[in-house]
Amino acid sequence: HRLPASSAPAHMALDASGIDAATQLLALQIPIPAYTPAKAFVMILSNVFVICTMSIQGKSLISGTSHDEMVESFGITWLLSGTSLGHIVGAGAILGLSASGVL
């Protein structure tokens, strides 16, 4: 089954001037904080800290469970949950350190 080319509704076409205006508005109005190696370092430390200290079903690296056992038991769930929480902690640390003038 092939649909005829004329079956697409006319209102689906995008107006290039509208997209350009929206892009310019976003570029001018939203301040994006600059990337710095110090912020990256804080984010890396936050992720490593959370992954090493988080406990899943009573198992954690800090309590002596081996890395291999954690990977066998939880697999990608361990990594994704650790980095998800690590990014939340890292974002909070970066915002707090930036507000206090450290970063």
Protein backbone atom coordinates (compact mmCIF):
# COMPACT_ATOMS: atom_id res chain seq x y z
CA HIS A 1 0.00 0.00 0.00
CA ARG A 2 1.37 3.34 -1.00
CA LEU A 3 -0.40 6.53 -0.14
CA PRO A 4 -0.60 9.17 -2.84
CA ALA A 5 1.75 12.13 -2.34
CA SER A 6 -1.21 14.49 -2.08
CA SER A 7 -2.59 12.72 1.00
CA ALA A 8 -0.45 14.76 3.44
CA PRO A 9 -2.42 17.63 4.98
CA ALA A 10 -1.33 21.10 3.96
CA HIS A 11 -1.06 22.30 7.58
CA MET A 12 1.83 19.87 8.16
CA ALA A 13 4.25 22.06 6.21
CA LEU A 14 6.70 23.99 8.40
CA ASP A 15 7.18 27.69 7.95
CA ALA A 16 10.94 28.37 7.95
CA SER A 17 10.53 31.92 9.24
CA GLY A 18 8.72 30.67 12.34
CA ILE A 19 11.46 28.16 13.11
CA ASP A 20 14.13 30.81 12.59
CA ALA A 21 12.36 33.25 14.91
CA ALA A 22 11.97 30.60 17.60
CA THR A 23 15.64 29.66 17.32
CA GLN A 24 16.72 33.29 17.66
CA LEU A 25 14.42 33.78 20.64
CA LEU A 26 15.83 30.73 22.42
CA ALA A 27 19.40 31.73 21.63
CA LEU A 28 18.92 35.24 23.01
CA GLN A 29 16.74 34.61 26.05
CA ILE A 30 18.01 31.49 27.79
CA PRO A 31 21.37 31.86 29.51
CA ILE A 32 23.37 28.65 29.27
CA PRO A 33 26.02 28.32 31.97
CA ALA A 34 29.49 27.87 30.56
CA TYR A 35 31.09 24.46 30.69
CA THR A 36 34.24 24.40 32.77
CA PRO A 37 36.56 21.56 33.71
CA ALA A 38 35.84 22.31 37.38
CA LYS A 39 32.11 21.66 36.84
CA ALA A 40 32.92 18.44 34.97
CA PHE A 41 35.15 17.33 37.85
CA VAL A 42 32.37 17.96 40.38
CA MET A 43 29.93 15.96 38.21
CA ILE A 44 32.39 13.07 37.85
CA LEU A 45 33.05 12.98 41.59
CA SER A 46 29.31 13.07 42.32
CA ASN A 47 28.64 10.12 40.00
CA VAL A 48 31.50 8.04 41.35
CA PHE A 49 30.47 8.82 44.94
CA VAL A 50 26.85 7.79 44.35
CA ILE A 51 27.73 4.62 42.43
CA CYS A 52 30.18 3.53 45.13
CA THR A 53 27.90 4.28 48.09
CA MET A 54 24.45 3.35 46.81
CA SER A 55 22.88 0.21 48.19
CA ILE A 56 20.52 -2.05 46.27
CA GLN A 57 18.84 -4.87 48.21
CA GLY A 58 21.48 -4.58 50.92
CA LYS A 59 24.41 -4.85 48.52
CA SER A 60 26.84 -2.01 47.88
CA LEU A 61 30.47 -1.55 46.97
CA ILE A 62 31.17 0.28 50.21
CA SER A 63 29.86 -2.65 52.30
CA GLY A 64 32.29 -5.06 50.63
CA THR A 65 30.24 -6.49 47.77
CA SER A 66 32.54 -7.06 44.80
CA HIS A 67 32.07 -5.11 41.59
CA ASP A 68 31.57 -8.34 39.64
CA GLU A 69 28.79 -9.46 42.00
CA MET A 70 27.06 -6.09 41.63
CA VAL A 71 27.23 -6.35 37.83
CA GLU A 72 25.98 -9.97 37.85
CA SER A 73 23.14 -9.18 40.27
CA PHE A 74 21.90 -5.87 38.89
CA GLY A 75 23.58 -5.26 35.53
CA ILE A 76 22.65 -2.09 33.69
CA THR A 77 20.06 -1.18 36.34
CA TRP A 78 22.86 -0.51 38.82
CA LEU A 79 24.71 1.74 36.39
CA LEU A 80 21.64 3.67 35.22
CA SER A 81 20.23 4.23 38.68
CA GLY A 82 23.63 5.27 40.02
CA THR A 83 24.35 7.73 37.25
CA SER A 84 20.81 9.11 37.35
CA LEU A 85 21.05 9.91 41.03
CA GLY A 86 24.68 10.97 40.53
CA HIS A 87 23.62 13.59 37.99
CA ILE A 88 20.96 14.95 40.35
CA VAL A 89 23.50 15.16 43.17
CA GLY A 90 26.08 16.65 40.79
CA ALA A 91 23.68 19.29 39.48
CA GLY A 92 22.84 20.30 43.03
CA ALA A 93 26.52 20.44 43.97
CA ILE A 94 27.36 22.55 40.91
CA LEU A 95 24.48 24.94 41.57
CA GLY A 96 25.40 25.22 45.25
CA LEU A 97 29.10 25.75 44.58
CA SER A 98 28.32 28.27 41.83
CA ALA A 99 25.95 30.21 44.08
CA SER A 100 28.53 30.32 46.86
CA GLY A 101 31.20 31.57 44.46
CA VAL A 102 33.44 28.50 44.63
CA LEU A 103 32.95 27.58 40.96
